[in-house]
Amino acid sequence: MLILSRYQVDMDTRDQIRALITRLARLEAAGGWTQDLNPAQRTALEYLARANRFSRSPSQVADFLGTTRGTASQTLKALMRKGLVREEASGSDKRSISYQVTDAGLVQLNAPSLLGRSLEELPGDTLPDLAETLRSLLATAADLHGARPFGVCKECQHFRSRKHGGHCALLQLSLLQHETGQICHEQQPGHR
């Protein structure tokens, strides 16, 4: 007698979505082995390019990647050797370092990814709903895993809008206009 699991017989919609997202992530990662970058290096580079000035330390990169600080440190060292990021000492604490994407790193990021090219093929009017659904799904997954949300400043409960940018009520710091749309390690969902 052949015994089949429910998974083998009939995947429900949630199972299908999880399988589709997993497959997309695998294809994107497989396509990420390009231009002398592995997928973790590309993801770290993408993160650093979008992160605000308060969110570019090795520990914050590790949190974003969901990896250990040692692994993130090796990833950052590899990006430095390749000339894609540079290390900067903090102005307030010389023991603290952060990373800045170089011009060469930005060139690497402009290379189209498989998922990016695939998204270009979707009708433009479907993208806002897809983005909102994925943001919600990611927020739930991060919450269940105990991970930080890493959202953008202007959508944070600590964000205060100002005429020429914003203000972070948590860090008590002014934000330039372009910083209000960057990823923050301290972000707590609030505004929309």
N, C-alpha and C. Protein backbone atom coordinates (compact mmCIF):
# COMPACT_ATOMS: atom_id res chain seq x y z
N MET A 1 0.84 -1.18 0.00
CA MET A 1 0.00 0.00 0.00
C MET A 1 0.88 1.24 0.00
N LEU A 2 0.63 2.14 -0.91
CA LEU A 2 1.40 3.37 -1.05
C LEU A 2 0.77 4.44 -0.17
N ILE A 3 1.56 5.03 0.71
CA ILE A 3 1.07 6.10 1.58
C ILE A 3 1.65 7.42 1.09
N LEU A 4 0.78 8.36 0.78
CA LEU A 4 1.20 9.68 0.30
C LEU A 4 0.92 10.72 1.38
N SER A 5 1.82 11.62 1.53
CA SER A 5 1.58 12.71 2.48
C SER A 5 0.66 13.74 1.82
N ARG A 6 0.09 14.60 2.64
CA ARG A 6 -0.76 15.67 2.12
C ARG A 6 0.03 16.54 1.16
N TYR A 7 1.31 16.72 1.46
CA TYR A 7 2.16 17.55 0.60
C TYR A 7 2.27 16.95 -0.80
N GLN A 8 2.40 15.65 -0.87
CA GLN A 8 2.52 14.99 -2.17
C GLN A 8 1.20 14.99 -2.92
N VAL A 9 0.09 14.95 -2.23
CA VAL A 9 -1.21 14.84 -2.88
C VAL A 9 -1.75 16.21 -3.28
N ASP A 10 -1.78 17.14 -2.35
CA ASP A 10 -2.44 18.41 -2.64
C ASP A 10 -1.82 19.53 -1.81
N MET A 11 -1.03 20.34 -2.45
CA MET A 11 -0.45 21.48 -1.75
C MET A 11 -1.51 22.58 -1.65
N ASP A 12 -1.74 23.08 -0.44
CA ASP A 12 -2.68 24.19 -0.35
C ASP A 12 -1.98 25.48 -0.80
N THR A 13 -2.72 26.54 -0.87
CA THR A 13 -2.20 27.81 -1.41
C THR A 13 -1.01 28.31 -0.62
N ARG A 14 -1.02 28.20 0.70
CA ARG A 14 0.11 28.65 1.52
C ARG A 14 1.37 27.85 1.20
N ASP A 15 1.20 26.55 1.04
CA ASP A 15 2.34 25.71 0.67
C ASP A 15 2.88 26.10 -0.71
N GLN A 16 1.98 26.39 -1.62
CA GLN A 16 2.39 26.78 -2.96
C GLN A 16 3.18 28.09 -2.92
N ILE A 17 2.69 29.05 -2.15
CA ILE A 17 3.37 30.35 -2.04
C ILE A 17 4.75 30.16 -1.44
N ARG A 18 4.84 29.38 -0.36
CA ARG A 18 6.15 29.14 0.26
C ARG A 18 7.09 28.47 -0.73
N ALA A 19 6.61 27.49 -1.45
CA ALA A 19 7.44 26.80 -2.44
C ALA A 19 7.88 27.75 -3.55
N LEU A 20 6.98 28.61 -3.99
CA LEU A 20 7.32 29.56 -5.05
C LEU A 20 8.37 30.57 -4.59
N ILE A 21 8.20 31.09 -3.37
CA ILE A 21 9.17 32.05 -2.84
C ILE A 21 10.53 31.38 -2.65
N THR A 22 10.52 30.16 -2.13
CA THR A 22 11.78 29.43 -1.95
C THR A 22 12.47 29.22 -3.29
N ARG A 23 11.72 28.83 -4.30
CA ARG A 23 12.29 28.60 -5.63
C ARG A 23 12.83 29.89 -6.22
N LEU A 24 12.09 30.99 -6.07
CA LEU A 24 12.57 32.29 -6.55
C LEU A 24 13.87 32.68 -5.86
N ALA A 25 13.92 32.47 -4.55
CA ALA A 25 15.14 32.81 -3.80
C ALA A 25 16.31 31.97 -4.27
N ARG A 26 16.08 30.70 -4.53
CA ARG A 26 17.15 29.82 -5.01
C ARG A 26 17.64 30.24 -6.40
N LEU A 27 16.70 30.56 -7.28
CA LEU A 27 17.10 31.00 -8.63
C LEU A 27 17.87 32.32 -8.57
N GLU A 28 17.41 33.24 -7.73
CA GLU A 28 18.10 34.52 -7.59
C GLU A 28 19.49 34.31 -7.01
N ALA A 29 19.61 33.44 -6.01
CA ALA A 29 20.92 33.15 -5.42
C ALA A 29 21.84 32.49 -6.44
N ALA A 30 21.31 31.55 -7.20
CA ALA A 30 22.13 30.89 -8.23
C ALA A 30 22.60 31.90 -9.26
N GLY A 31 21.74 32.84 -9.60
CA GLY A 31 22.13 33.90 -10.54
C GLY A 31 23.05 34.93 -9.92
N GLY A 32 23.14 34.92 -8.58
CA GLY A 32 23.98 35.87 -7.87
C GLY A 32 25.47 35.54 -7.94
N TRP A 33 25.82 34.37 -8.44
CA TRP A 33 27.23 33.99 -8.58
C TRP A 33 27.77 34.60 -9.87
N THR A 34 27.77 35.91 -9.92
CA THR A 34 28.23 36.59 -11.12
C THR A 34 29.25 37.65 -10.76
N GLN A 35 30.01 38.03 -11.73
CA GLN A 35 30.95 39.15 -11.59
C GLN A 35 31.79 39.03 -10.32
N ASP A 36 32.25 37.83 -10.03
CA ASP A 36 33.14 37.58 -8.90
C ASP A 36 32.50 37.84 -7.55
N LEU A 37 31.18 37.75 -7.47
CA LEU A 37 30.46 37.90 -6.21
C LEU A 37 29.65 36.65 -5.93
N ASN A 38 29.65 36.22 -4.66
CA ASN A 38 28.72 35.16 -4.30
C ASN A 38 27.43 35.81 -3.81
N PRO A 39 26.35 35.05 -3.66
CA PRO A 39 25.07 35.66 -3.26
C PRO A 39 25.12 36.44 -1.95
N ALA A 40 25.85 35.95 -0.95
CA ALA A 40 25.94 36.67 0.32
C ALA A 40 26.64 38.01 0.14
N GLN A 41 27.69 38.04 -0.67
CA GLN A 41 28.41 39.29 -0.93
C GLN A 41 27.50 40.28 -1.67
N ARG A 42 26.75 39.79 -2.64
CA ARG A 42 25.86 40.67 -3.38
C ARG A 42 24.77 41.24 -2.46
N THR A 43 24.21 40.38 -1.60
CA THR A 43 23.17 40.84 -0.68
C THR A 43 23.74 41.87 0.30
N ALA A 44 24.93 41.63 0.81
CA ALA A 44 25.57 42.59 1.73
C ALA A 44 25.82 43.91 1.01
N LEU A 45 26.28 43.84 -0.22
CA LEU A 45 26.55 45.05 -1.01
C LEU A 45 25.24 45.81 -1.25
N GLU A 46 24.18 45.10 -1.61
CA GLU A 46 22.87 45.74 -1.81
C GLU A 46 22.39 46.40 -0.53
N TYR A 47 22.56 45.70 0.58
CA TYR A 47 22.14 46.26 1.87
C TYR A 47 22.91 47.54 2.18
N LEU A 48 24.23 47.50 2.07
CA LEU A 48 25.05 48.67 2.38
C LEU A 48 24.70 49.86 1.50
N ALA A 49 24.34 49.61 0.26
CA ALA A 49 23.97 50.69 -0.65
C ALA A 49 22.66 51.35 -0.24
N ARG A 50 21.80 50.62 0.45
CA ARG A 50 20.49 51.14 0.84
C ARG A 50 20.41 51.53 2.31
N ALA A 51 21.40 51.16 3.10
CA ALA A 51 21.36 51.40 4.55
C ALA A 51 21.74 52.84 4.88
N ASN A 52 21.14 53.36 5.95
CA ASN A 52 21.50 54.71 6.38
C ASN A 52 22.83 54.70 7.14
N ARG A 53 23.31 55.86 7.45
CA ARG A 53 24.64 55.99 8.08
C ARG A 53 24.72 55.34 9.46
N PHE A 54 23.59 55.04 10.08
CA PHE A 54 23.57 54.44 11.41
C PHE A 54 23.53 52.91 11.34
N SER A 55 23.47 52.35 10.13
CA SER A 55 23.15 50.92 9.98
C SER A 55 24.15 50.16 9.12
N ARG A 56 25.40 50.59 9.11
CA ARG A 56 26.39 49.97 8.23
C ARG A 56 27.54 49.28 8.98
N SER A 57 27.33 48.89 10.22
CA SER A 57 28.38 48.21 10.97
C SER A 57 28.36 46.72 10.65
N PRO A 58 29.44 46.01 10.96
CA PRO A 58 29.46 44.57 10.71
C PRO A 58 28.33 43.82 11.42
N SER A 59 28.01 44.21 12.66
CA SER A 59 26.95 43.51 13.38
C SER A 59 25.59 43.74 12.72
N GLN A 60 25.37 44.91 12.19
CA GLN A 60 24.10 45.20 11.52
C GLN A 60 24.00 44.48 10.18
N VAL A 61 25.12 44.34 9.49
CA VAL A 61 25.14 43.55 8.25
C VAL A 61 24.82 42.10 8.60
N ALA A 62 25.40 41.60 9.69
CA ALA A 62 25.12 40.22 10.12
C ALA A 62 23.64 40.03 10.43
N ASP A 63 23.05 40.99 11.14
CA ASP A 63 21.63 40.90 11.46
C ASP A 63 20.78 40.88 10.19
N PHE A 64 21.12 41.73 9.23
CA PHE A 64 20.35 41.78 7.98
C PHE A 64 20.48 40.47 7.21
N LEU A 65 21.70 39.93 7.14
CA LEU A 65 21.92 38.69 6.41
C LEU A 65 21.41 37.46 7.16
N GLY A 66 21.14 37.62 8.46
CA GLY A 66 20.71 36.49 9.26
C GLY A 66 21.84 35.50 9.47
N THR A 67 23.03 36.01 9.71
CA THR A 67 24.21 35.16 9.85
C THR A 67 25.01 35.57 11.08
N THR A 68 26.12 34.90 11.32
CA THR A 68 26.96 35.26 12.46
C THR A 68 27.79 36.50 12.13
N ARG A 69 28.30 37.14 13.16
CA ARG A 69 29.15 38.31 12.95
C ARG A 69 30.46 37.91 12.26
N GLY A 70 30.97 36.72 12.58
CA GLY A 70 32.19 36.25 11.94
C GLY A 70 32.01 36.05 10.44
N THR A 71 30.89 35.45 10.05
CA THR A 71 30.60 35.24 8.63
C THR A 71 30.42 36.58 7.93
N ALA A 72 29.69 37.49 8.57
CA ALA A 72 29.49 38.82 7.97
C ALA A 72 30.82 39.55 7.83
N SER A 73 31.68 39.42 8.84
CA SER A 73 33.00 40.06 8.78
C SER A 73 33.81 39.53 7.60
N GLN A 74 33.77 38.22 7.36
CA GLN A 74 34.49 37.64 6.22
C GLN A 74 33.90 38.14 4.91
N THR A 75 32.59 38.27 4.85
CA THR A 75 31.93 38.80 3.65
C THR A 75 32.37 40.23 3.39
N LEU A 76 32.41 41.04 4.44
CA LEU A 76 32.83 42.44 4.29
C LEU A 76 34.30 42.55 3.89
N LYS A 77 35.14 41.69 4.44
CA LYS A 77 36.56 41.69 4.07
C LYS A 77 36.73 41.33 2.59
N ALA A 78 35.95 40.37 2.12
CA ALA A 78 36.01 39.99 0.70
C ALA A 78 35.58 41.16 -0.18
N LEU A 79 34.54 41.88 0.23
CA LEU A 79 34.08 43.04 -0.55
C LEU A 79 35.14 44.14 -0.55
N MET A 80 35.84 44.29 0.56
CA MET A 80 36.92 45.29 0.63
C MET A 80 38.06 44.90 -0.30
N ARG A 81 38.48 43.62 -0.26
CA ARG A 81 39.57 43.15 -1.14
C ARG A 81 39.23 43.38 -2.61
N LYS A 82 37.97 43.29 -2.93
CA LYS A 82 37.53 43.47 -4.32
C LYS A 82 37.32 44.95 -4.66
N GLY A 83 37.50 45.81 -3.67
CA GLY A 83 37.37 47.25 -3.90
C GLY A 83 35.92 47.72 -4.04
N LEU A 84 34.98 46.94 -3.51
CA LEU A 84 33.57 47.28 -3.65
C LEU A 84 33.01 48.05 -2.47
N VAL A 85 33.69 47.97 -1.33
CA VAL A 85 33.33 48.76 -0.15
C VAL A 85 34.62 49.27 0.49
N ARG A 86 34.46 50.32 1.29
CA ARG A 86 35.60 50.81 2.07
C ARG A 86 35.15 50.94 3.52
N GLU A 87 36.11 50.77 4.40
CA GLU A 87 35.88 50.83 5.83
C GLU A 87 36.06 52.26 6.29
N GLU A 88 35.18 52.70 7.19
CA GLU A 88 35.28 54.05 7.75
C GLU A 88 35.15 53.97 9.26
N ALA A 89 35.98 54.73 9.96
CA ALA A 89 35.88 54.82 11.42
C ALA A 89 34.75 55.77 11.76
N SER A 90 34.06 55.48 12.84
CA SER A 90 32.98 56.34 13.30
C SER A 90 33.56 57.66 13.78
N GLY A 91 32.86 58.73 13.52
CA GLY A 91 33.30 60.04 13.99
C GLY A 91 33.22 60.17 15.49
N SER A 92 32.26 59.49 16.12
CA SER A 92 32.08 59.62 17.56
C SER A 92 32.83 58.55 18.36
N ASP A 93 33.04 57.37 17.78
CA ASP A 93 33.70 56.28 18.48
C ASP A 93 34.69 55.62 17.52
N LYS A 94 35.95 55.90 17.69
CA LYS A 94 36.99 55.42 16.76
C LYS A 94 37.11 53.90 16.73
N ARG A 95 36.56 53.22 17.75
CA ARG A 95 36.59 51.74 17.75
C ARG A 95 35.50 51.16 16.85
N SER A 96 34.50 51.96 16.56
CA SER A 96 33.37 51.52 15.76
C SER A 96 33.64 51.79 14.28
N ILE A 97 33.33 50.80 13.44
CA ILE A 97 33.54 50.99 12.00
C ILE A 97 32.24 50.77 11.24
N SER A 98 32.20 51.37 10.08
CA SER A 98 31.07 51.15 9.17
C SER A 98 31.63 51.02 7.76
N TYR A 99 30.78 50.65 6.85
CA TYR A 99 31.21 50.40 5.48
C TYR A 99 30.42 51.26 4.52
N GLN A 100 31.13 51.72 3.51
CA GLN A 100 30.53 52.56 2.47
C GLN A 100 30.78 51.89 1.12
N VAL A 101 29.77 51.83 0.28
CA VAL A 101 29.92 51.24 -1.05
C VAL A 101 30.73 52.20 -1.92
N THR A 102 31.71 51.66 -2.64
CA THR A 102 32.55 52.46 -3.54
C THR A 102 31.85 52.60 -4.89
N ASP A 103 32.43 53.43 -5.74
CA ASP A 103 31.90 53.57 -7.10
C ASP A 103 31.93 52.23 -7.83
N ALA A 104 32.99 51.45 -7.63
CA ALA A 104 33.08 50.13 -8.25
C ALA A 104 31.96 49.21 -7.74
N GLY A 105 31.62 49.35 -6.46
CA GLY A 105 30.53 48.57 -5.89
C GLY A 105 29.20 48.95 -6.50
N LEU A 106 29.00 50.25 -6.73
CA LEU A 106 27.76 50.71 -7.36
C LEU A 106 27.64 50.19 -8.79
N VAL A 107 28.77 50.10 -9.49
CA VAL A 107 28.76 49.54 -10.84
C VAL A 107 28.29 48.08 -10.78
N GLN A 108 28.81 47.32 -9.82
CA GLN A 108 28.39 45.92 -9.65
C GLN A 108 26.88 45.83 -9.40
N LEU A 109 26.36 46.73 -8.59
CA LEU A 109 24.94 46.69 -8.25
C LEU A 109 24.05 47.05 -9.43
N ASN A 110 24.57 47.79 -10.38
CA ASN A 110 23.77 48.16 -11.54
C ASN A 110 23.61 47.03 -12.54
N ALA A 111 24.37 45.95 -12.36
CA ALA A 111 24.22 44.78 -13.23
C ALA A 111 22.86 44.15 -12.91
N PRO A 112 22.04 43.90 -13.92
CA PRO A 112 20.70 43.37 -13.66
C PRO A 112 20.74 41.95 -13.09
N SER A 113 19.87 41.71 -12.13
CA SER A 113 19.74 40.37 -11.54
C SER A 113 18.62 39.62 -12.25
N LEU A 114 18.59 38.33 -12.06
CA LEU A 114 17.55 37.51 -12.65
C LEU A 114 16.17 37.95 -12.17
N LEU A 115 16.03 38.14 -10.87
CA LEU A 115 14.75 38.55 -10.32
C LEU A 115 14.38 39.96 -10.78
N GLY A 116 15.36 40.85 -10.85
CA GLY A 116 15.10 42.20 -11.34
C GLY A 116 14.59 42.19 -12.78
N ARG A 117 15.23 41.40 -13.61
CA ARG A 117 14.79 41.30 -15.01
C ARG A 117 13.40 40.67 -15.09
N SER A 118 13.14 39.70 -14.23
CA SER A 118 11.82 39.06 -14.22
C SER A 118 10.74 40.04 -13.79
N LEU A 119 11.02 40.87 -12.80
CA LEU A 119 10.05 41.86 -12.35
C LEU A 119 9.73 42.89 -13.44
N GLU A 120 10.70 43.17 -14.28
CA GLU A 120 10.46 44.09 -15.40
C GLU A 120 9.42 43.55 -16.38
N GLU A 121 9.24 42.25 -16.38
CA GLU A 121 8.29 41.62 -17.29
C GLU A 121 6.86 41.65 -16.75
N LEU A 122 6.68 41.93 -15.47
CA LEU A 122 5.34 41.98 -14.89
C LEU A 122 4.66 43.30 -15.23
N PRO A 123 3.34 43.29 -15.35
CA PRO A 123 2.62 44.56 -15.57
C PRO A 123 2.87 45.52 -14.40
N GLY A 124 3.18 46.75 -14.71
CA GLY A 124 3.52 47.75 -13.69
C GLY A 124 2.44 47.96 -12.65
N ASP A 125 1.17 47.81 -13.03
CA ASP A 125 0.10 48.05 -12.07
C ASP A 125 -0.02 46.94 -11.03
N THR A 126 0.66 45.81 -11.22
CA THR A 126 0.62 44.72 -10.24
C THR A 126 1.70 44.86 -9.18
N LEU A 127 2.71 45.68 -9.44
CA LEU A 127 3.86 45.76 -8.55
C LEU A 127 3.56 46.35 -7.17
N PRO A 128 2.78 47.43 -7.06
CA PRO A 128 2.52 47.96 -5.71
C PRO A 128 1.86 46.94 -4.78
N ASP A 129 0.88 46.20 -5.26
CA ASP A 129 0.22 45.19 -4.42
C ASP A 129 1.18 44.06 -4.07
N LEU A 130 1.98 43.63 -5.04
CA LEU A 130 2.96 42.58 -4.78
C LEU A 130 3.96 43.05 -3.73
N ALA A 131 4.44 44.28 -3.86
CA ALA A 131 5.41 44.83 -2.89
C ALA A 131 4.80 44.89 -1.50
N GLU A 132 3.57 45.34 -1.39
CA GLU A 132 2.92 45.43 -0.08
C GLU A 132 2.72 44.05 0.54
N THR A 133 2.31 43.09 -0.26
CA THR A 133 2.12 41.73 0.24
C THR A 133 3.44 41.14 0.72
N LEU A 134 4.51 41.33 -0.05
CA LEU A 134 5.81 40.79 0.35
C LEU A 134 6.36 41.50 1.58
N ARG A 135 6.14 42.82 1.69
CA ARG A 135 6.56 43.55 2.90
C ARG A 135 5.86 42.98 4.13
N SER A 136 4.58 42.74 4.01
CA SER A 136 3.80 42.19 5.13
C SER A 136 4.28 40.79 5.49
N LEU A 137 4.52 39.97 4.48
CA LEU A 137 5.01 38.61 4.69
C LEU A 137 6.38 38.63 5.37
N LEU A 138 7.26 39.49 4.90
CA LEU A 138 8.60 39.60 5.49
C LEU A 138 8.51 40.08 6.93
N ALA A 139 7.66 41.05 7.20
CA ALA A 139 7.51 41.56 8.57
C ALA A 139 7.04 40.46 9.51
N THR A 140 6.09 39.65 9.05
CA THR A 140 5.59 38.55 9.87
C THR A 140 6.69 37.52 10.11
N ALA A 141 7.41 37.16 9.04
CA ALA A 141 8.48 36.17 9.17
C ALA A 141 9.58 36.68 10.11
N ALA A 142 9.96 37.95 9.97
CA ALA A 142 11.00 38.52 10.85
C ALA A 142 10.53 38.51 12.30
N ASP A 143 9.27 38.85 12.51
CA ASP A 143 8.72 38.86 13.87
C ASP A 143 8.72 37.45 14.47
N LEU A 144 8.29 36.46 13.70
CA LEU A 144 8.26 35.07 14.18
C LEU A 144 9.67 34.55 14.47
N HIS A 145 10.64 35.04 13.72
CA HIS A 145 12.04 34.60 13.88
C HIS A 145 12.77 35.41 14.95
N GLY A 146 12.16 36.50 15.39
CA GLY A 146 12.81 37.38 16.36
C GLY A 146 13.87 38.27 15.72
N ALA A 147 13.73 38.52 14.43
CA ALA A 147 14.69 39.36 13.70
C ALA A 147 14.18 40.79 13.60
N ARG A 148 15.10 41.70 13.40
CA ARG A 148 14.73 43.10 13.23
C ARG A 148 14.05 43.29 11.87
N PRO A 149 13.14 44.27 11.78
CA PRO A 149 12.42 44.47 10.52
C PRO A 149 13.23 45.14 9.41
N PHE A 150 14.19 46.00 9.76
CA PHE A 150 15.01 46.69 8.76
C PHE A 150 14.18 47.43 7.71
N GLY A 151 13.25 48.24 8.15
CA GLY A 151 12.46 49.03 7.21
C GLY A 151 13.11 50.37 6.94
N VAL A 152 12.43 51.19 6.14
CA VAL A 152 12.97 52.51 5.81
C VAL A 152 12.55 53.52 6.87
N CYS A 153 13.37 54.54 7.01
CA CYS A 153 13.18 55.54 8.07
C CYS A 153 11.79 56.17 8.06
N LYS A 154 11.33 56.60 6.89
CA LYS A 154 10.07 57.35 6.84
C LYS A 154 8.85 56.51 7.20
N GLU A 155 9.02 55.19 7.33
CA GLU A 155 7.91 54.31 7.72
C GLU A 155 8.06 53.84 9.17
N CYS A 156 8.92 54.51 9.93
CA CYS A 156 9.23 54.13 11.31
C CYS A 156 8.41 54.95 12.29
N GLN A 157 8.08 54.33 13.42
CA GLN A 157 7.34 55.05 14.46
C GLN A 157 8.16 56.18 15.08
N HIS A 158 9.48 56.15 14.93
CA HIS A 158 10.35 57.19 15.50
C HIS A 158 10.60 58.34 14.53
N PHE A 159 10.13 58.21 13.30
CA PHE A 159 10.38 59.23 12.27
C PHE A 159 9.46 60.43 12.47
N ARG A 160 10.06 61.62 12.35
CA ARG A 160 9.31 62.87 12.38
C ARG A 160 9.67 63.63 11.11
N SER A 161 8.68 63.97 10.34
CA SER A 161 8.91 64.68 9.08
C SER A 161 9.34 66.12 9.36
N ARG A 162 10.27 66.60 8.58
CA ARG A 162 10.76 67.99 8.65
C ARG A 162 10.79 68.55 7.24
N LYS A 163 10.87 69.85 7.13
CA LYS A 163 10.82 70.51 5.82
C LYS A 163 11.89 69.99 4.87
N HIS A 164 13.10 69.79 5.33
CA HIS A 164 14.20 69.36 4.46
C HIS A 164 14.73 67.99 4.86
N GLY A 165 13.83 67.08 5.21
CA GLY A 165 14.26 65.74 5.58
C GLY A 165 13.41 65.17 6.68
N GLY A 166 14.05 64.88 7.80
CA GLY A 166 13.31 64.31 8.91
C GLY A 166 14.13 64.33 10.17
N HIS A 167 13.56 63.73 11.20
CA HIS A 167 14.22 63.64 12.50
C HIS A 167 13.93 62.27 13.07
N CYS A 168 14.96 61.62 13.61
CA CYS A 168 14.79 60.33 14.29
C CYS A 168 14.64 60.63 15.78
N ALA A 169 13.44 60.38 16.30
CA ALA A 169 13.18 60.64 17.71
C ALA A 169 13.91 59.64 18.61
N LEU A 170 14.21 58.45 18.10
CA LEU A 170 14.94 57.46 18.89
C LEU A 170 16.39 57.87 19.08
N LEU A 171 17.06 58.21 17.98
CA LEU A 171 18.48 58.57 18.04
C LEU A 171 18.70 60.06 18.27
N GLN A 172 17.63 60.83 18.24
CA GLN A 172 17.70 62.28 18.40
C GLN A 172 18.66 62.91 17.39
N LEU A 173 18.48 62.54 16.13
CA LEU A 173 19.34 63.04 15.05
C LEU A 173 18.51 63.49 13.87
N SER A 174 19.01 64.52 13.19
CA SER A 174 18.37 64.99 11.98
C SER A 174 18.71 64.07 10.82
N LEU A 175 17.77 63.95 9.89
CA LEU A 175 17.95 63.11 8.71
C LEU A 175 17.85 63.99 7.47
N LEU A 176 18.77 63.77 6.55
CA LEU A 176 18.69 64.46 5.27
C LEU A 176 17.57 63.85 4.44
N GLN A 177 17.08 64.56 3.44
CA GLN A 177 15.95 64.09 2.63
C GLN A 177 16.20 62.68 2.09
N HIS A 178 17.38 62.42 1.53
CA HIS A 178 17.64 61.10 0.94
C HIS A 178 17.72 59.99 2.00
N GLU A 179 18.04 60.35 3.24
CA GLU A 179 18.13 59.35 4.31
C GLU A 179 16.76 58.84 4.75
N THR A 180 15.72 59.60 4.50
CA THR A 180 14.39 59.20 4.95
C THR A 180 13.88 57.96 4.22
N GLY A 181 14.46 57.64 3.07
CA GLY A 181 14.07 56.45 2.32
C GLY A 181 15.08 55.32 2.41
N GLN A 182 16.04 55.43 3.32
CA GLN A 182 17.06 54.39 3.46
C GLN A 182 16.67 53.39 4.55
N ILE A 183 17.28 52.20 4.48
CA ILE A 183 17.05 51.15 5.46
C ILE A 183 17.72 51.52 6.78
N CYS A 184 17.00 51.27 7.87
CA CYS A 184 17.54 51.55 9.21
C CYS A 184 17.47 50.30 10.09
N HIS A 185 18.56 50.03 10.77
CA HIS A 185 18.65 48.91 11.70
C HIS A 185 17.71 49.09 12.89
N GLU A 186 17.44 50.31 13.27
CA GLU A 186 16.61 50.60 14.44
C GLU A 186 15.14 50.75 14.09
N GLN A 187 14.77 50.60 12.83
CA GLN A 187 13.42 50.86 12.37
C GLN A 187 12.40 50.01 13.10
N GLN A 188 11.33 50.66 13.53
CA GLN A 188 10.17 49.99 14.13
C GLN A 188 8.95 50.41 13.32
N PRO A 189 8.28 49.47 12.68
CA PRO A 189 7.15 49.83 11.81
C PRO A 189 6.17 50.75 12.50
N GLY A 190 5.70 51.72 11.76
CA GLY A 190 4.76 52.67 12.31
C GLY A 190 3.98 53.37 11.23
N HIS A 191 4.62 54.34 10.57
CA HIS A 191 3.95 55.15 9.54
C HIS A 191 3.81 54.39 8.24
N ARG A 192 2.83 54.79 7.48
CA ARG A 192 2.68 54.31 6.08
C ARG A 192 2.13 55.44 5.29
